[in-house]
Structure formats: structure tokens, C-alpha cells
Amino acid sequence: MRNVRLLVAYDGSRFFGWQRQAGFPSIQEALEDALEAVVGERVAVHGSGRTDTGVHALGQTANFHVTTRIEDRRLLPALNAHLPEGIAIRALETCRDDFHAQKDVRAKRYLYLLRTGPVRPPFAREFEHWTPERLDVASMKRAAAAFVGEHDFTSFASHGSPRKSNVRRVSAVHLRERRERVFFVVQGNGFLYNMVRAMVGTLIEVGRGKLAPPAIVEILRARNRRWAGPTAPAAGLYLLRVLYREPCFQGGAPHPAAERVSGPSSASGSPSGLP
């Protein structure tokens, strides 16, 4: 048995979220089906967390335990050959036996992509959220600064999966405007259900002039979802990166478990510099 770690990218508009569910295509199901086709056994794939229908990923992390002796550099293209359109494994590596993609998460980084302008874009509506107004990005930046730190984010969470606490730590927030696009990037130690989308929806209200930047502080204190803005659509949200205490997908020497499979001369084939 060896533990294999994956870096997965997918077009969320083609799937009904990460988690397997009967009768609906999911990322987890696609990966498990590909594994069964390649290694001949049913293998459970564990993701770093669930993404909802329509939410995309550039750097979702997953892992699974498998008995196959197919070396990493051959397993990667073999799995990709059996995956449906809209999903790809960007990197694959054998890792320590007790690594768990969800339990070992230290932080996650998300991107939300906005397009502004008076004319509705004819393309890419599955990959960005369009608003016709020109937004006041400077005010949005001032408002977003209030998210940084440890707060109770009840006002920015939809009812969903049960959780012990609504307190989360946001370590960084960045907004950038490039022509008709606004990029919102946020990193934290965890996120509540629809939390990022609610944060973006509230910042859009700031950008429209419907909320003043200091209002974010009061909304956080209220701990009431009705105080915040609407939940932005799933189409603009991307899971950019999952961070762990150990380096992942950096290339270099393979894990000892991989050497037992393919010998010390085999490299994992994982590209370096991945997000």
C-alpha cells in the first residue's frame, strides 16, 4: 500500500461539486472511476475539502492509498487518459503514508474573478461573474482589510454543513483591478459554507456605493447573515491552492515509498513551481 497525492484542476460548471452523489457527475467520482480503470480496484479518493456545483479549482489536493506498482511518472498520464473533459491531474507524487489531504490542511487560497462593464460578455459566463457597474475598487480594498485576522464569520456563512465554530482566521486579502476585471484573492485557515462568495457579494455592494467600507466591521460583529450582502455566484470562484506544513509537488527526490515501487532512479515527474 502506498499513499499518492494529487494536484487536480477542474471546470466546476461541468460537475455537481466535489463529493460523489448518486445520479450526478462529481469530481470525486471521476477520479475514482479513472483509478479503477487504471489499477483494477475501487479506491477511495480524499479531497482537501468539498467544492460546490459551479466552483472551479486550479490547485485542489487529494490523496488515495493504492497497491499498484505503477510508478508515479506513468500513473499520472494513465489517470488523465481516463478522466472526462473538464478535469485534469496537474501533478502526482507518492507521499508519506499518514498524509491526509483534508486533515493536514494548514490554509487555503481562493480567487474570485469579477468582470465589470456596461456590456454583458458573450463568453465565459461559467468562469467569471459580470456586473455592469464600474466598481469603486479603492473602497473595496479598504473594506476588505477588515476581514484580515481571526473573526466570527457567522454573517458571511450560509446554512450548510454543521461546524463546531464559525471563527476563522483570514491571513491575507488582495484586490487587483486590470481593465474590466477585478481579482479578489483571500487566504485563511478555513472557510465556512459560501463564506468567500458572501464576502465578495458584500464587497460588490461596497464597490457600488451601497455600503461604506467601515460597515464590514459592524457586519462581522452582528453575526447575522442578513446584515451582509448577497452570495456572489459560484461561477467566479476558484480554489487556487491548498497549503500544508510540508512542501508538496516540488519535484526532486521521490518519496521512499515510490523508490520501493520503481527503484531509486525514478523521479515522480511532478513539475516544480506549481501553485
C-alpha atoms as a PDB file:
ATOM      1  CA  MET A   1       0.000   0.000   0.000  1.00  0.00           C
ATOM      2  CA  ARG A   2       1.362   3.428  -0.858  1.00  0.00           C
ATOM      3  CA  ASN A   3      -0.151   6.865  -0.405  1.00  0.00           C
ATOM      4  CA  VAL A   4      -0.417   9.002  -3.540  1.00  0.00           C
ATOM      5  CA  ARG A   5      -1.046  12.751  -3.560  1.00  0.00           C
ATOM      6  CA  LEU A   6      -2.737  14.565  -6.468  1.00  0.00           C
ATOM      7  CA  LEU A   7      -2.921  18.166  -7.631  1.00  0.00           C
ATOM      8  CA  VAL A   8      -6.208  18.498  -9.517  1.00  0.00           C
ATOM      9  CA  ALA A   9      -7.704  21.240 -11.708  1.00  0.00           C
ATOM     10  CA  TYR A  10     -11.281  21.235 -12.929  1.00  0.00           C
ATOM     11  CA  ASP A  11     -14.062  23.188 -14.581  1.00  0.00           C
ATOM     12  CA  GLY A  12     -16.729  23.207 -11.903  1.00  0.00           C
ATOM     13  CA  SER A  13     -19.507  24.073 -14.358  1.00  0.00           C
ATOM     14  CA  ARG A  14     -19.344  20.507 -15.716  1.00  0.00           C
ATOM     15  CA  PHE A  15     -19.800  18.779 -12.363  1.00  0.00           C
ATOM     16  CA  PHE A  16     -22.119  18.766  -9.367  1.00  0.00           C
ATOM     17  CA  GLY A  17     -19.367  19.619  -6.928  1.00  0.00           C
ATOM     18  CA  TRP A  18     -16.545  17.536  -5.482  1.00  0.00           C
ATOM     19  CA  GLN A  19     -18.419  14.937  -3.443  1.00  0.00           C
ATOM     20  CA  ARG A  20     -19.770  11.760  -5.002  1.00  0.00           C
ATOM     21  CA  GLN A  21     -23.571  11.715  -5.218  1.00  0.00           C
ATOM     22  CA  ALA A  22     -25.771   9.163  -6.949  1.00  0.00           C
ATOM     23  CA  GLY A  23     -27.024  10.206 -10.368  1.00  0.00           C
ATOM     24  CA  PHE A  24     -24.881  13.330 -10.715  1.00  0.00           C
ATOM     25  CA  PRO A  25     -21.322  13.640 -12.070  1.00  0.00           C
ATOM     26  CA  SER A  26     -18.783  14.750  -9.460  1.00  0.00           C
ATOM     27  CA  ILE A  27     -15.022  15.278  -9.284  1.00  0.00           C
ATOM     28  CA  GLN A  28     -14.564  12.530  -6.705  1.00  0.00           C
ATOM     29  CA  GLU A  29     -16.487  10.032  -8.818  1.00  0.00           C
ATOM     30  CA  ALA A  30     -14.488  10.889 -11.944  1.00  0.00           C
ATOM     31  CA  LEU A  31     -11.174  10.362 -10.129  1.00  0.00           C
ATOM     32  CA  GLU A  32     -12.290   7.103  -8.530  1.00  0.00           C
ATOM     33  CA  ASP A  33     -13.600   5.783 -11.853  1.00  0.00           C
ATOM     34  CA  ALA A  34     -10.288   6.645 -13.552  1.00  0.00           C
ATOM     35  CA  LEU A  35      -8.360   4.886 -10.793  1.00  0.00           C
ATOM     36  CA  GLU A  36     -10.481   1.772 -11.104  1.00  0.00           C
ATOM     37  CA  ALA A  37      -9.895   1.713 -14.861  1.00  0.00           C
ATOM     38  CA  VAL A  38      -6.121   2.009 -14.417  1.00  0.00           C
ATOM     39  CA  VAL A  39      -5.356  -0.106 -11.338  1.00  0.00           C
ATOM     40  CA  GLY A  40      -8.268  -2.533 -11.434  1.00  0.00           C
ATOM     41  CA  GLU A  41      -9.574  -1.847  -7.939  1.00  0.00           C
ATOM     42  CA  ARG A  42     -12.013   0.558  -6.310  1.00  0.00           C
ATOM     43  CA  VAL A  43     -10.063   3.220  -4.435  1.00  0.00           C
ATOM     44  CA  ALA A  44     -11.414   5.996  -2.191  1.00  0.00           C
ATOM     45  CA  VAL A  45     -10.089   9.477  -3.075  1.00  0.00           C
ATOM     46  CA  HIS A  46      -9.988  12.072  -0.288  1.00  0.00           C
ATOM     47  CA  GLY A  47     -10.027  15.766  -1.242  1.00  0.00           C
ATOM     48  CA  SER A  48      -8.868  18.724   0.829  1.00  0.00           C
ATOM     49  CA  GLY A  49     -12.497  19.772   1.052  1.00  0.00           C
ATOM     50  CA  ARG A  50     -15.704  19.928  -0.925  1.00  0.00           C
ATOM     51  CA  THR A  51     -16.300  22.488  -3.643  1.00  0.00           C
ATOM     52  CA  ASP A  52     -19.875  23.225  -4.690  1.00  0.00           C
ATOM     53  CA  THR A  53     -21.504  22.940  -8.082  1.00  0.00           C
ATOM     54  CA  GLY A  54     -20.011  25.518 -10.441  1.00  0.00           C
ATOM     55  CA  VAL A  55     -16.917  26.240  -8.314  1.00  0.00           C
ATOM     56  CA  HIS A  56     -13.617  25.677 -10.122  1.00  0.00           C
ATOM     57  CA  ALA A  57     -10.176  24.584  -8.961  1.00  0.00           C
ATOM     58  CA  LEU A  58      -6.648  25.158 -10.174  1.00  0.00           C
ATOM     59  CA  GLY A  59      -4.997  23.553  -7.160  1.00  0.00           C
ATOM     60  CA  GLN A  60      -7.277  21.097  -5.383  1.00  0.00           C
ATOM     61  CA  THR A  61      -5.283  18.495  -3.434  1.00  0.00           C
ATOM     62  CA  ALA A  62      -6.380  14.895  -2.955  1.00  0.00           C
ATOM     63  CA  ASN A  63      -4.858  11.604  -1.870  1.00  0.00           C
ATOM     64  CA  PHE A  64      -5.559   7.878  -2.015  1.00  0.00           C
ATOM     65  CA  HIS A  65      -3.960   4.608  -0.900  1.00  0.00           C
ATOM     66  CA  VAL A  66      -3.321   2.036  -3.591  1.00  0.00           C
ATOM     67  CA  THR A  67      -1.488  -1.273  -4.039  1.00  0.00           C
ATOM     68  CA  THR A  68      -0.480  -0.750  -7.680  1.00  0.00           C
ATOM     69  CA  ARG A  69       3.190  -0.888  -8.606  1.00  0.00           C
ATOM     70  CA  ILE A  70       2.753   1.580 -11.478  1.00  0.00           C
ATOM     71  CA  GLU A  71       5.362   4.289 -10.859  1.00  0.00           C
ATOM     72  CA  ASP A  72       4.324   7.915 -10.437  1.00  0.00           C
ATOM     73  CA  ARG A  73       5.548   9.159 -13.813  1.00  0.00           C
ATOM     74  CA  ARG A  74       3.429   6.526 -15.586  1.00  0.00           C
ATOM     75  CA  LEU A  75       0.418   6.722 -13.301  1.00  0.00           C
ATOM     76  CA  LEU A  76      -0.118  10.437 -13.993  1.00  0.00           C
ATOM     77  CA  PRO A  77      -0.751  10.197 -17.774  1.00  0.00           C
ATOM     78  CA  ALA A  78      -2.630   6.932 -17.342  1.00  0.00           C
ATOM     79  CA  LEU A  79      -5.145   8.539 -14.993  1.00  0.00           C
ATOM     80  CA  ASN A  80      -5.515  11.660 -17.130  1.00  0.00           C
ATOM     81  CA  ALA A  81      -6.287   9.457 -20.139  1.00  0.00           C
ATOM     82  CA  HIS A  82      -9.333   8.085 -18.296  1.00  0.00           C
ATOM     83  CA  LEU A  83     -10.680  11.376 -16.956  1.00  0.00           C
ATOM     84  CA  PRO A  84     -13.589  13.192 -18.642  1.00  0.00           C
ATOM     85  CA  GLU A  85     -13.237  16.590 -20.263  1.00  0.00           C
ATOM     86  CA  GLY A  86     -13.074  19.407 -17.743  1.00  0.00           C
ATOM     87  CA  ILE A  87     -10.802  17.725 -15.186  1.00  0.00           C
ATOM     88  CA  ALA A  88      -7.042  17.127 -15.181  1.00  0.00           C
ATOM     89  CA  ILE A  89      -4.425  15.937 -12.722  1.00  0.00           C
ATOM     90  CA  ARG A  90      -1.630  18.520 -12.857  1.00  0.00           C
ATOM     91  CA  ALA A  91       0.813  16.638 -10.648  1.00  0.00           C
ATOM     92  CA  LEU A  92       1.077  13.330  -8.805  1.00  0.00           C
ATOM     93  CA  GLU A  93       3.520  12.038  -6.212  1.00  0.00           C
ATOM     94  CA  THR A  94       3.884   9.267  -3.673  1.00  0.00           C
ATOM     95  CA  CYS A  95       3.919  10.815  -0.190  1.00  0.00           C
ATOM     96  CA  ARG A  96       4.219   9.787   3.458  1.00  0.00           C
ATOM     97  CA  ASP A  97       1.771   7.074   4.495  1.00  0.00           C
ATOM     98  CA  ASP A  98      -0.114   9.196   7.043  1.00  0.00           C
ATOM     99  CA  PHE A  99      -0.670  12.260   4.826  1.00  0.00           C
ATOM    100  CA  HIS A 100      -4.369  13.168   4.550  1.00  0.00           C
ATOM    101  CA  ALA A 101      -5.471  15.829   2.053  1.00  0.00           C
ATOM    102  CA  GLN A 102      -8.198  17.172   4.349  1.00  0.00           C
ATOM    103  CA  LYS A 103      -6.959  16.583   7.882  1.00  0.00           C
ATOM    104  CA  ASP A 104      -3.490  18.047   7.251  1.00  0.00           C
ATOM    105  CA  VAL A 105      -4.627  21.330   5.641  1.00  0.00           C
ATOM    106  CA  ARG A 106      -2.926  24.414   7.083  1.00  0.00           C
ATOM    107  CA  ALA A 107      -4.556  27.053   4.855  1.00  0.00           C
ATOM    108  CA  LYS A 108      -6.444  27.539   1.606  1.00  0.00           C
ATOM    109  CA  ARG A 109      -6.257  30.250  -1.006  1.00  0.00           C
ATOM    110  CA  TYR A 110      -9.216  31.241  -3.190  1.00  0.00           C
ATOM    111  CA  LEU A 111      -9.649  33.555  -6.158  1.00  0.00           C
ATOM    112  CA  TYR A 112     -12.869  35.265  -7.152  1.00  0.00           C
ATOM    113  CA  LEU A 113     -12.963  36.728 -10.659  1.00  0.00           C
ATOM    114  CA  LEU A 114     -15.227  39.681 -11.465  1.00  0.00           C
ATOM    115  CA  ARG A 115     -15.805  41.358 -14.817  1.00  0.00           C
ATOM    116  CA  THR A 116     -17.244  44.856 -14.962  1.00  0.00           C
ATOM    117  CA  GLY A 117     -18.538  46.943 -17.846  1.00  0.00           C
ATOM    118  CA  PRO A 118     -21.784  48.087 -19.432  1.00  0.00           C
ATOM    119  CA  VAL A 119     -21.970  45.252 -21.996  1.00  0.00           C
ATOM    120  CA  ARG A 120     -22.673  41.672 -20.930  1.00  0.00           C
ATOM    121  CA  PRO A 121     -19.779  39.472 -22.125  1.00  0.00           C
ATOM    122  CA  PRO A 122     -20.941  36.906 -24.707  1.00  0.00           C
ATOM    123  CA  PHE A 123     -18.456  34.303 -23.475  1.00  0.00           C
ATOM    124  CA  ALA A 124     -17.040  32.854 -20.250  1.00  0.00           C
ATOM    125  CA  ARG A 125     -20.089  33.345 -18.054  1.00  0.00           C
ATOM    126  CA  GLU A 126     -19.247  29.965 -16.429  1.00  0.00           C
ATOM    127  CA  PHE A 127     -15.847  31.317 -15.334  1.00  0.00           C
ATOM    128  CA  GLU A 128     -16.448  34.855 -14.068  1.00  0.00           C
ATOM    129  CA  HIS A 129     -19.183  36.969 -12.530  1.00  0.00           C
ATOM    130  CA  TRP A 130     -20.247  40.022 -14.519  1.00  0.00           C
ATOM    131  CA  THR A 131     -21.642  43.210 -13.041  1.00  0.00           C
ATOM    132  CA  PRO A 132     -22.465  46.168 -15.314  1.00  0.00           C
ATOM    133  CA  GLU A 133     -21.419  48.879 -12.840  1.00  0.00           C
ATOM    134  CA  ARG A 134     -17.911  50.277 -12.643  1.00  0.00           C
ATOM    135  CA  LEU A 135     -16.910  49.400  -9.090  1.00  0.00           C
ATOM    136  CA  ASP A 136     -15.017  51.606  -6.644  1.00  0.00           C
ATOM    137  CA  VAL A 137     -12.148  49.179  -6.106  1.00  0.00           C
ATOM    138  CA  ALA A 138     -10.306  51.544  -3.747  1.00  0.00           C
ATOM    139  CA  SER A 139     -13.265  51.451  -1.346  1.00  0.00           C
ATOM    140  CA  MET A 140     -13.494  47.680  -1.737  1.00  0.00           C
ATOM    141  CA  LYS A 141      -9.823  47.359  -0.722  1.00  0.00           C
ATOM    142  CA  ARG A 142     -10.378  49.433   2.409  1.00  0.00           C
ATOM    143  CA  ALA A 143     -13.419  47.334   3.301  1.00  0.00           C
ATOM    144  CA  ALA A 144     -11.647  44.017   2.637  1.00  0.00           C
ATOM    145  CA  ALA A 145      -8.895  44.871   5.118  1.00  0.00           C
ATOM    146  CA  ALA A 146     -11.421  44.322   7.934  1.00  0.00           C
ATOM    147  CA  PHE A 147     -11.600  40.612   7.041  1.00  0.00           C
ATOM    148  CA  VAL A 148      -7.958  40.028   7.975  1.00  0.00           C
ATOM    149  CA  GLY A 149      -7.493  38.425  11.380  1.00  0.00           C
ATOM    150  CA  GLU A 150      -9.483  35.997  13.490  1.00  0.00           C
ATOM    151  CA  HIS A 151     -13.211  36.698  13.485  1.00  0.00           C
ATOM    152  CA  ASP A 152     -16.572  35.042  13.886  1.00  0.00           C
ATOM    153  CA  PHE A 153     -17.782  34.897  10.257  1.00  0.00           C
ATOM    154  CA  THR A 154     -21.401  33.952  11.003  1.00  0.00           C
ATOM    155  CA  SER A 155     -22.579  36.959   8.967  1.00  0.00           C
ATOM    156  CA  PHE A 156     -20.800  35.559   5.907  1.00  0.00           C
ATOM    157  CA  ALA A 157     -21.861  31.912   6.095  1.00  0.00           C
ATOM    158  CA  SER A 158     -24.873  30.193   4.560  1.00  0.00           C
ATOM    159  CA  HIS A 159     -26.581  27.333   6.328  1.00  0.00           C
ATOM    160  CA  GLY A 160     -24.783  24.175   5.259  1.00  0.00           C
ATOM    161  CA  SER A 161     -22.556  21.550   6.805  1.00  0.00           C
ATOM    162  CA  PRO A 162     -22.540  21.571  10.620  1.00  0.00           C
ATOM    163  CA  ARG A 163     -19.433  23.063  12.266  1.00  0.00           C
ATOM    164  CA  LYS A 164     -18.266  23.440  15.834  1.00  0.00           C
ATOM    165  CA  SER A 165     -17.354  27.116  15.450  1.00  0.00           C
ATOM    166  CA  ASN A 166     -17.792  29.953  12.962  1.00  0.00           C
ATOM    167  CA  VAL A 167     -14.475  31.512  13.966  1.00  0.00           C
ATOM    168  CA  ARG A 168     -11.906  31.515  11.185  1.00  0.00           C
ATOM    169  CA  ARG A 169      -8.566  33.244  10.646  1.00  0.00           C
ATOM    170  CA  VAL A 170      -8.051  35.133   7.369  1.00  0.00           C
ATOM    171  CA  SER A 171      -4.342  35.760   6.865  1.00  0.00           C
ATOM    172  CA  ALA A 172      -4.387  37.761   3.633  1.00  0.00           C
ATOM    173  CA  VAL A 173      -6.783  39.569   1.298  1.00  0.00           C
ATOM    174  CA  HIS A 174      -5.793  41.155  -2.011  1.00  0.00           C
ATOM    175  CA  LEU A 175      -7.807  43.023  -4.651  1.00  0.00           C
ATOM    176  CA  ARG A 176      -6.430  43.930  -8.063  1.00  0.00           C
ATOM    177  CA  GLU A 177      -8.111  45.700 -10.964  1.00  0.00           C
ATOM    178  CA  ARG A 178      -6.969  45.052 -14.529  1.00  0.00           C
ATOM    179  CA  ARG A 179      -9.019  46.816 -17.179  1.00  0.00           C
ATOM    180  CA  GLU A 180     -12.528  45.351 -16.830  1.00  0.00           C
ATOM    181  CA  ARG A 181     -11.581  42.622 -14.365  1.00  0.00           C
ATOM    182  CA  VAL A 182     -11.314  42.643 -10.590  1.00  0.00           C
ATOM    183  CA  PHE A 183      -9.379  39.843  -8.876  1.00  0.00           C
ATOM    184  CA  PHE A 184     -10.172  39.064  -5.240  1.00  0.00           C
ATOM    185  CA  VAL A 185      -7.728  36.654  -3.544  1.00  0.00           C
ATOM    186  CA  VAL A 186      -8.189  35.505   0.043  1.00  0.00           C
ATOM    187  CA  GLN A 187      -6.227  33.066   2.190  1.00  0.00           C
ATOM    188  CA  GLY A 188      -7.280  31.607   5.511  1.00  0.00           C
ATOM    189  CA  ASN A 189      -7.042  28.605   7.775  1.00  0.00           C
ATOM    190  CA  GLY A 190     -10.539  27.543   6.771  1.00  0.00           C
ATOM    191  CA  PHE A 191     -13.750  28.834   5.230  1.00  0.00           C
ATOM    192  CA  LEU A 192     -17.410  28.368   6.108  1.00  0.00           C
ATOM    193  CA  TYR A 193     -20.048  27.322   3.597  1.00  0.00           C
ATOM    194  CA  ASN A 194     -20.319  30.081   0.939  1.00  0.00           C
ATOM    195  CA  MET A 195     -18.121  32.356   3.063  1.00  0.00           C
ATOM    196  CA  VAL A 196     -15.896  33.625   0.236  1.00  0.00           C
ATOM    197  CA  ARG A 197     -18.860  34.216  -2.053  1.00  0.00           C
ATOM    198  CA  ALA A 198     -20.671  36.157   0.702  1.00  0.00           C
ATOM    199  CA  MET A 199     -17.546  38.238   1.309  1.00  0.00           C
ATOM    200  CA  VAL A 200     -17.356  39.062  -2.405  1.00  0.00           C
ATOM    201  CA  GLY A 201     -21.068  39.829  -2.639  1.00  0.00           C
ATOM    202  CA  THR A 202     -20.711  42.265   0.262  1.00  0.00           C
ATOM    203  CA  LEU A 203     -17.634  43.906  -1.262  1.00  0.00           C
ATOM    204  CA  ILE A 204     -19.540  44.399  -4.502  1.00  0.00           C
ATOM    205  CA  GLU A 205     -22.135  46.345  -2.520  1.00  0.00           C
ATOM    206  CA  VAL A 206     -19.274  48.499  -1.210  1.00  0.00           C
ATOM    207  CA  GLY A 207     -17.998  48.976  -4.747  1.00  0.00           C
ATOM    208  CA  ARG A 208     -21.457  50.095  -5.836  1.00  0.00           C
ATOM    209  CA  GLY A 209     -21.616  52.643  -3.034  1.00  0.00           C
ATOM    210  CA  LYS A 210     -24.436  50.875  -1.205  1.00  0.00           C
ATOM    211  CA  LEU A 211     -22.220  50.136   1.808  1.00  0.00           C
ATOM    212  CA  ALA A 212     -19.418  52.216   3.299  1.00  0.00           C
ATOM    213  CA  PRO A 213     -16.071  50.451   3.917  1.00  0.00           C
ATOM    214  CA  PRO A 214     -16.382  50.638   7.758  1.00  0.00           C
ATOM    215  CA  ALA A 215     -19.632  48.661   7.555  1.00  0.00           C
ATOM    216  CA  ILE A 216     -17.696  45.385   7.344  1.00  0.00           C
ATOM    217  CA  VAL A 217     -16.645  45.699  10.985  1.00  0.00           C
ATOM    218  CA  GLU A 218     -20.250  46.125  12.098  1.00  0.00           C
ATOM    219  CA  ILE A 219     -21.437  43.251   9.900  1.00  0.00           C
ATOM    220  CA  LEU A 220     -18.853  40.938  11.465  1.00  0.00           C
ATOM    221  CA  ARG A 221     -19.930  41.984  14.950  1.00  0.00           C
ATOM    222  CA  ALA A 222     -23.613  41.432  14.138  1.00  0.00           C
ATOM    223  CA  ARG A 223     -23.121  37.691  13.485  1.00  0.00           C
ATOM    224  CA  ASN A 224     -26.228  37.799  11.341  1.00  0.00           C
ATOM    225  CA  ARG A 225     -26.247  36.711   7.692  1.00  0.00           C
ATOM    226  CA  ARG A 226     -28.967  39.246   6.842  1.00  0.00           C
ATOM    227  CA  TRP A 227     -26.600  42.129   7.569  1.00  0.00           C
ATOM    228  CA  ALA A 228     -24.154  41.160   4.817  1.00  0.00           C
ATOM    229  CA  GLY A 229     -24.552  41.385   1.063  1.00  0.00           C
ATOM    230  CA  PRO A 230     -25.806  38.677  -1.295  1.00  0.00           C
ATOM    231  CA  THR A 231     -23.878  35.494  -2.059  1.00  0.00           C
ATOM    232  CA  ALA A 232     -21.931  36.009  -5.292  1.00  0.00           C
ATOM    233  CA  PRO A 233     -22.464  33.318  -7.972  1.00  0.00           C
ATOM    234  CA  ALA A 234     -20.319  30.181  -7.950  1.00  0.00           C
ATOM    235  CA  ALA A 235     -19.009  30.816 -11.473  1.00  0.00           C
ATOM    236  CA  GLY A 236     -16.320  33.290 -10.377  1.00  0.00           C
ATOM    237  CA  LEU A 237     -14.821  31.200  -7.569  1.00  0.00           C
ATOM    238  CA  TYR A 238     -11.591  29.184  -7.887  1.00  0.00           C
ATOM    239  CA  LEU A 239      -9.706  27.100  -5.342  1.00  0.00           C
ATOM    240  CA  LEU A 240      -6.182  28.277  -6.109  1.00  0.00           C
ATOM    241  CA  ARG A 241      -4.019  26.422  -3.618  1.00  0.00           C
ATOM    242  CA  VAL A 242      -4.107  24.218  -0.535  1.00  0.00           C
ATOM    243  CA  LEU A 243      -1.200  24.720   1.856  1.00  0.00           C
ATOM    244  CA  TYR A 244       0.384  22.117   4.111  1.00  0.00           C
ATOM    245  CA  ARG A 245       3.272  22.172   6.561  1.00  0.00           C
ATOM    246  CA  GLU A 246       5.312  20.033   4.197  1.00  0.00           C
ATOM    247  CA  PRO A 247       6.308  21.000   0.634  1.00  0.00           C
ATOM    248  CA  CYS A 248       4.111  19.395  -1.997  1.00  0.00           C
ATOM    249  CA  PHE A 249       4.610  18.866  -5.735  1.00  0.00           C
ATOM    250  CA  GLN A 250       8.080  20.378  -5.753  1.00  0.00           C
ATOM    251  CA  GLY A 251       9.771  17.627  -7.745  1.00  0.00           C
ATOM    252  CA  GLY A 252      13.173  16.421  -6.586  1.00  0.00           C
ATOM    253  CA  ALA A 253      13.866  13.070  -4.965  1.00  0.00           C
ATOM    254  CA  PRO A 254      10.873  10.716  -4.791  1.00  0.00           C
ATOM    255  CA  HIS A 255       9.399   9.560  -1.509  1.00  0.00           C
ATOM    256  CA  PRO A 256      10.971   6.286  -0.246  1.00  0.00           C
ATOM    257  CA  ALA A 257       7.662   4.510  -0.901  1.00  0.00           C
ATOM    258  CA  ALA A 258       7.976   5.441  -4.580  1.00  0.00           C
ATOM    259  CA  GLU A 259      11.503   4.053  -4.644  1.00  0.00           C
ATOM    260  CA  ARG A 260      10.212   0.737  -3.346  1.00  0.00           C
ATOM    261  CA  VAL A 261       7.882   0.642  -6.358  1.00  0.00           C
ATOM    262  CA  SER A 262      10.105   1.864  -9.160  1.00  0.00           C
ATOM    263  CA  GLY A 263      13.669   1.972  -7.842  1.00  0.00           C
ATOM    264  CA  PRO A 264      15.815   4.928  -6.727  1.00  0.00           C
ATOM    265  CA  SER A 265      16.454   6.208 -10.260  1.00  0.00           C
ATOM    266  CA  SER A 266      12.798   7.051 -10.930  1.00  0.00           C
ATOM    267  CA  ALA A 267      11.549  10.615 -10.452  1.00  0.00           C
ATOM    268  CA  SER A 268       7.992  11.491  -9.596  1.00  0.00           C
ATOM    269  CA  GLY A 269       7.541  13.565 -12.727  1.00  0.00           C
ATOM    270  CA  SER A 270       5.846  16.365 -10.768  1.00  0.00           C
ATOM    271  CA  PRO A 271       6.554  19.799 -12.236  1.00  0.00           C
ATOM    272  CA  SER A 272       8.032  22.427  -9.954  1.00  0.00           C
ATOM    273  CA  GLY A 273       6.687  25.884  -9.312  1.00  0.00           C
ATOM    274  CA  LEU A 274       3.033  24.825  -9.146  1.00  0.00           C
ATOM    275  CA  PRO A 275       0.666  26.941  -7.061  1.00  0.00           C
END
